[in-house]
Amino acid sequence: MLGKRLKELRGKRTQAEIADHLHIQRANYSHYENGRAEPNLKTLVDIADFFGVSLDFLLGRTNESHGWEVSTQEKDYMMIDVTGLTKDDIQFIEQTVQFLRKKRGEGK
């Protein structure tokens, strides 16, 4: 089940991008996705944190990631590193994303 979830959560990102973020080898991440190896507990927690899901969801014990469904686009957005930004900076980013989504919706 872990491999299936990892493939589902990865979306359009590459294995290399995720492995780099997790500070592991791409081959190791590939093995996790393909069921050839299992990550240790620390790596499982890091993967769950990266994707913003619970360990239970990651391991297939529940179908609710955190009580909400996350689209592929939102998963990509979650990959943005906001370390060191202020709350005001993050609020500005969120407002900008909302503005762009509204703008795109009005053009249809």
N, C-alpha and C. Protein backbone atom coordinates (compact mmCIF):
# COMPACT_ATOMS: atom_id res chain seq x y z
N MET A 1 0.82 -1.21 0.00
CA MET A 1 0.00 0.00 0.00
C MET A 1 0.86 1.26 0.00
N LEU A 2 2.01 1.22 0.69
CA LEU A 2 2.87 2.40 0.76
C LEU A 2 3.29 2.86 -0.63
N GLY A 3 3.72 1.93 -1.47
CA GLY A 3 4.17 2.29 -2.81
C GLY A 3 3.08 2.96 -3.61
N LYS A 4 1.86 2.42 -3.51
CA LYS A 4 0.72 2.99 -4.24
C LYS A 4 0.45 4.42 -3.77
N ARG A 5 0.49 4.63 -2.46
CA ARG A 5 0.26 5.98 -1.92
C ARG A 5 1.35 6.94 -2.38
N LEU A 6 2.59 6.48 -2.35
CA LEU A 6 3.69 7.36 -2.75
C LEU A 6 3.55 7.79 -4.20
N LYS A 7 3.19 6.85 -5.06
CA LYS A 7 3.01 7.19 -6.48
C LYS A 7 1.87 8.19 -6.65
N GLU A 8 0.79 7.95 -5.90
CA GLU A 8 -0.38 8.83 -5.96
C GLU A 8 -0.04 10.24 -5.47
N LEU A 9 0.69 10.32 -4.37
CA LEU A 9 1.03 11.61 -3.78
C LEU A 9 2.07 12.38 -4.59
N ARG A 10 2.94 11.66 -5.27
CA ARG A 10 4.03 12.31 -6.01
C ARG A 10 3.49 13.25 -7.08
N GLY A 11 2.38 12.88 -7.70
CA GLY A 11 1.81 13.74 -8.75
C GLY A 11 2.78 13.92 -9.89
N LYS A 12 3.00 15.17 -10.31
CA LYS A 12 3.86 15.47 -11.45
C LYS A 12 5.32 15.65 -11.06
N ARG A 13 5.60 15.63 -9.78
CA ARG A 13 6.99 15.78 -9.34
C ARG A 13 7.78 14.53 -9.70
N THR A 14 9.07 14.68 -9.83
CA THR A 14 9.93 13.53 -10.12
C THR A 14 10.38 12.89 -8.81
N GLN A 15 10.77 11.64 -8.93
CA GLN A 15 11.32 10.95 -7.76
C GLN A 15 12.56 11.68 -7.26
N ALA A 16 13.36 12.20 -8.18
CA ALA A 16 14.58 12.91 -7.81
C ALA A 16 14.27 14.16 -6.98
N GLU A 17 13.24 14.90 -7.36
CA GLU A 17 12.87 16.11 -6.61
C GLU A 17 12.49 15.76 -5.18
N ILE A 18 11.70 14.72 -5.03
CA ILE A 18 11.26 14.32 -3.69
C ILE A 18 12.43 13.77 -2.88
N ALA A 19 13.21 12.91 -3.49
CA ALA A 19 14.37 12.33 -2.80
C ALA A 19 15.32 13.44 -2.34
N ASP A 20 15.54 14.42 -3.19
CA ASP A 20 16.42 15.53 -2.84
C ASP A 20 15.88 16.28 -1.63
N HIS A 21 14.59 16.54 -1.63
CA HIS A 21 13.97 17.24 -0.50
C HIS A 21 14.09 16.42 0.79
N LEU A 22 14.00 15.10 0.67
CA LEU A 22 14.06 14.22 1.83
C LEU A 22 15.50 13.87 2.23
N HIS A 23 16.46 14.31 1.40
CA HIS A 23 17.88 14.02 1.63
C HIS A 23 18.18 12.52 1.61
N ILE A 24 17.59 11.85 0.61
CA ILE A 24 17.86 10.43 0.40
C ILE A 24 18.20 10.23 -1.08
N GLN A 25 18.72 9.06 -1.41
CA GLN A 25 19.03 8.74 -2.79
C GLN A 25 17.75 8.51 -3.59
N ARG A 26 17.75 8.93 -4.86
CA ARG A 26 16.59 8.72 -5.71
C ARG A 26 16.26 7.23 -5.80
N ALA A 27 17.28 6.40 -5.90
CA ALA A 27 17.06 4.95 -6.00
C ALA A 27 16.33 4.42 -4.77
N ASN A 28 16.66 4.94 -3.60
CA ASN A 28 15.96 4.51 -2.39
C ASN A 28 14.48 4.87 -2.46
N TYR A 29 14.20 6.12 -2.89
CA TYR A 29 12.80 6.52 -3.01
C TYR A 29 12.08 5.64 -4.04
N SER A 30 12.73 5.36 -5.13
CA SER A 30 12.15 4.49 -6.16
C SER A 30 11.83 3.12 -5.58
N HIS A 31 12.73 2.58 -4.75
CA HIS A 31 12.50 1.28 -4.12
C HIS A 31 11.27 1.34 -3.21
N TYR A 32 11.07 2.44 -2.51
CA TYR A 32 9.89 2.58 -1.66
C TYR A 32 8.62 2.56 -2.51
N GLU A 33 8.64 3.30 -3.61
CA GLU A 33 7.46 3.34 -4.49
C GLU A 33 7.15 1.98 -5.11
N ASN A 34 8.20 1.22 -5.40
CA ASN A 34 8.01 -0.05 -6.09
C ASN A 34 7.97 -1.25 -5.16
N GLY A 35 7.97 -1.01 -3.84
CA GLY A 35 7.84 -2.09 -2.88
C GLY A 35 9.07 -2.96 -2.71
N ARG A 36 10.22 -2.50 -3.20
CA ARG A 36 11.45 -3.28 -3.06
C ARG A 36 12.16 -3.02 -1.74
N ALA A 37 11.78 -1.95 -1.06
CA ALA A 37 12.37 -1.61 0.24
C ALA A 37 11.35 -0.81 1.03
N GLU A 38 11.53 -0.79 2.34
CA GLU A 38 10.65 -0.01 3.21
C GLU A 38 11.48 1.02 3.96
N PRO A 39 10.99 2.25 4.03
CA PRO A 39 11.74 3.28 4.74
C PRO A 39 11.71 3.04 6.24
N ASN A 40 12.73 3.56 6.93
CA ASN A 40 12.72 3.49 8.40
C ASN A 40 11.70 4.50 8.93
N LEU A 41 11.48 4.47 10.23
CA LEU A 41 10.46 5.32 10.83
C LEU A 41 10.72 6.79 10.59
N LYS A 42 11.96 7.23 10.75
CA LYS A 42 12.28 8.66 10.54
C LYS A 42 11.94 9.07 9.12
N THR A 43 12.30 8.25 8.15
CA THR A 43 12.02 8.57 6.75
C THR A 43 10.53 8.56 6.49
N LEU A 44 9.80 7.62 7.08
CA LEU A 44 8.33 7.60 6.94
C LEU A 44 7.73 8.90 7.45
N VAL A 45 8.18 9.35 8.60
CA VAL A 45 7.67 10.61 9.18
C VAL A 45 8.02 11.78 8.26
N ASP A 46 9.25 11.79 7.75
CA ASP A 46 9.66 12.86 6.83
C ASP A 46 8.81 12.87 5.56
N ILE A 47 8.51 11.69 5.03
CA ILE A 47 7.67 11.58 3.83
C ILE A 47 6.27 12.09 4.13
N ALA A 48 5.69 11.67 5.25
CA ALA A 48 4.34 12.11 5.62
C ALA A 48 4.31 13.62 5.80
N ASP A 49 5.33 14.18 6.45
CA ASP A 49 5.39 15.63 6.64
C ASP A 49 5.53 16.34 5.30
N PHE A 50 6.36 15.80 4.42
CA PHE A 50 6.56 16.42 3.10
C PHE A 50 5.25 16.52 2.33
N PHE A 51 4.47 15.43 2.34
CA PHE A 51 3.22 15.42 1.59
C PHE A 51 2.05 16.00 2.40
N GLY A 52 2.26 16.27 3.67
CA GLY A 52 1.19 16.84 4.50
C GLY A 52 0.08 15.84 4.79
N VAL A 53 0.45 14.60 5.01
CA VAL A 53 -0.53 13.56 5.31
C VAL A 53 -0.14 12.85 6.60
N SER A 54 -1.08 12.08 7.14
CA SER A 54 -0.78 11.31 8.34
C SER A 54 -0.06 10.03 7.99
N LEU A 55 0.60 9.45 8.98
CA LEU A 55 1.24 8.15 8.76
C LEU A 55 0.20 7.08 8.44
N ASP A 56 -0.95 7.15 9.09
CA ASP A 56 -2.01 6.18 8.81
C ASP A 56 -2.44 6.24 7.35
N PHE A 57 -2.56 7.44 6.80
CA PHE A 57 -2.92 7.57 5.39
C PHE A 57 -1.80 7.02 4.52
N LEU A 58 -0.58 7.39 4.83
CA LEU A 58 0.57 6.96 4.04
C LEU A 58 0.67 5.43 4.00
N LEU A 59 0.36 4.79 5.12
CA LEU A 59 0.48 3.34 5.22
C LEU A 59 -0.79 2.60 4.81
N GLY A 60 -1.81 3.34 4.40
CA GLY A 60 -3.04 2.71 3.93
C GLY A 60 -3.99 2.28 5.03
N ARG A 61 -3.80 2.79 6.24
CA ARG A 61 -4.68 2.43 7.35
C ARG A 61 -5.97 3.25 7.35
N THR A 62 -5.97 4.34 6.59
CA THR A 62 -7.15 5.18 6.44
C THR A 62 -7.11 5.81 5.06
N ASN A 63 -8.26 6.23 4.57
CA ASN A 63 -8.31 6.91 3.28
C ASN A 63 -8.42 8.42 3.44
N GLU A 64 -8.39 8.89 4.67
CA GLU A 64 -8.48 10.33 4.93
C GLU A 64 -7.09 10.84 5.29
N SER A 65 -6.54 11.69 4.43
CA SER A 65 -5.19 12.19 4.65
C SER A 65 -5.12 13.06 5.90
N HIS A 66 -6.06 13.94 6.07
CA HIS A 66 -6.21 14.78 7.26
C HIS A 66 -7.64 15.26 7.34
N GLY A 67 -8.53 14.54 6.69
CA GLY A 67 -9.91 14.96 6.67
C GLY A 67 -10.26 15.81 5.46
N TRP A 68 -9.30 16.01 4.56
CA TRP A 68 -9.58 16.75 3.34
C TRP A 68 -8.83 16.10 2.20
N GLU A 69 -9.31 16.30 1.01
CA GLU A 69 -8.65 15.77 -0.18
C GLU A 69 -7.73 16.84 -0.75
N VAL A 70 -6.57 16.44 -1.20
CA VAL A 70 -5.59 17.37 -1.74
C VAL A 70 -5.40 17.07 -3.22
N SER A 71 -5.58 18.08 -4.05
CA SER A 71 -5.41 17.90 -5.49
C SER A 71 -3.92 17.87 -5.84
N THR A 72 -3.60 17.41 -7.02
CA THR A 72 -2.21 17.38 -7.48
C THR A 72 -1.63 18.79 -7.48
N GLN A 73 -2.42 19.76 -7.92
CA GLN A 73 -1.95 21.15 -7.95
C GLN A 73 -1.64 21.63 -6.53
N GLU A 74 -2.49 21.28 -5.58
CA GLU A 74 -2.25 21.69 -4.20
C GLU A 74 -1.02 21.00 -3.63
N LYS A 75 -0.78 19.74 -4.02
CA LYS A 75 0.42 19.04 -3.57
C LYS A 75 1.66 19.76 -4.08
N ASP A 76 1.62 20.21 -5.33
CA ASP A 76 2.75 20.95 -5.88
C ASP A 76 2.95 22.26 -5.12
N TYR A 77 1.85 22.93 -4.78
CA TYR A 77 1.92 24.18 -4.04
C TYR A 77 2.51 23.95 -2.65
N MET A 78 2.18 22.80 -2.04
CA MET A 78 2.68 22.49 -0.71
C MET A 78 4.19 22.30 -0.70
N MET A 79 4.79 22.10 -1.85
CA MET A 79 6.21 21.86 -1.94
C MET A 79 7.02 23.15 -1.77
N ILE A 80 6.40 24.30 -1.80
CA ILE A 80 7.10 25.57 -1.66
C ILE A 80 7.69 25.68 -0.26
N ASP A 81 8.97 25.99 -0.19
CA ASP A 81 9.66 26.12 1.09
C ASP A 81 9.44 27.53 1.63
N VAL A 82 8.75 27.64 2.75
CA VAL A 82 8.47 28.95 3.35
C VAL A 82 9.32 29.19 4.60
N THR A 83 10.34 28.38 4.77
CA THR A 83 11.22 28.53 5.93
C THR A 83 11.81 29.94 5.95
N GLY A 84 11.70 30.58 7.09
CA GLY A 84 12.28 31.90 7.26
C GLY A 84 11.37 33.05 6.86
N LEU A 85 10.23 32.74 6.26
CA LEU A 85 9.30 33.80 5.89
C LEU A 85 8.43 34.17 7.09
N THR A 86 8.01 35.42 7.13
CA THR A 86 7.14 35.86 8.21
C THR A 86 5.70 35.45 7.91
N LYS A 87 4.86 35.57 8.91
CA LYS A 87 3.43 35.27 8.72
C LYS A 87 2.84 36.19 7.65
N ASP A 88 3.28 37.45 7.64
CA ASP A 88 2.81 38.39 6.62
C ASP A 88 3.24 37.96 5.22
N ASP A 89 4.48 37.46 5.09
CA ASP A 89 4.96 36.97 3.79
C ASP A 89 4.09 35.81 3.31
N ILE A 90 3.82 34.87 4.22
CA ILE A 90 3.02 33.69 3.85
C ILE A 90 1.60 34.11 3.50
N GLN A 91 1.04 35.05 4.25
CA GLN A 91 -0.31 35.54 3.95
C GLN A 91 -0.33 36.20 2.57
N PHE A 92 0.71 36.95 2.23
CA PHE A 92 0.80 37.57 0.91
C PHE A 92 0.83 36.51 -0.18
N ILE A 93 1.60 35.45 0.02
CA ILE A 93 1.66 34.36 -0.96
C ILE A 93 0.28 33.74 -1.13
N GLU A 94 -0.40 33.46 -0.03
CA GLU A 94 -1.73 32.86 -0.09
C GLU A 94 -2.72 33.77 -0.83
N GLN A 95 -2.66 35.07 -0.54
CA GLN A 95 -3.55 36.02 -1.20
C GLN A 95 -3.25 36.10 -2.70
N THR A 96 -1.99 36.04 -3.05
CA THR A 96 -1.59 36.08 -4.46
C THR A 96 -2.10 34.86 -5.19
N VAL A 97 -1.98 33.69 -4.58
CA VAL A 97 -2.48 32.46 -5.19
C VAL A 97 -4.00 32.54 -5.37
N GLN A 98 -4.70 33.03 -4.36
CA GLN A 98 -6.16 33.17 -4.47
C GLN A 98 -6.53 34.13 -5.60
N PHE A 99 -5.81 35.24 -5.69
CA PHE A 99 -6.06 36.20 -6.75
C PHE A 99 -5.87 35.56 -8.12
N LEU A 100 -4.77 34.83 -8.30
CA LEU A 100 -4.49 34.19 -9.59
C LEU A 100 -5.54 33.14 -9.94
N ARG A 101 -6.01 32.39 -8.95
CA ARG A 101 -7.06 31.39 -9.22
C ARG A 101 -8.35 32.07 -9.63
N LYS A 102 -8.71 33.17 -8.96
CA LYS A 102 -9.92 33.91 -9.34
C LYS A 102 -9.79 34.47 -10.75
N LYS A 103 -8.62 35.04 -11.03
CA LYS A 103 -8.36 35.62 -12.36
C LYS A 103 -8.50 34.56 -13.44
N ARG A 104 -7.92 33.39 -13.20
CA ARG A 104 -7.99 32.29 -14.16
C ARG A 104 -9.43 31.81 -14.34
N GLY A 105 -10.19 31.80 -13.26
CA GLY A 105 -11.59 31.36 -13.33
C GLY A 105 -12.46 32.34 -14.07
N GLU A 106 -12.15 33.64 -13.99
CA GLU A 106 -12.96 34.66 -14.67
C GLU A 106 -12.70 34.63 -16.18
N GLY A 107 -11.56 34.11 -16.59
CA GLY A 107 -11.22 34.08 -18.01
C GLY A 107 -11.90 32.95 -18.77
N LYS A 108 -12.59 32.07 -18.05
CA LYS A 108 -13.22 30.92 -18.71
C LYS A 108 -14.56 31.24 -19.26
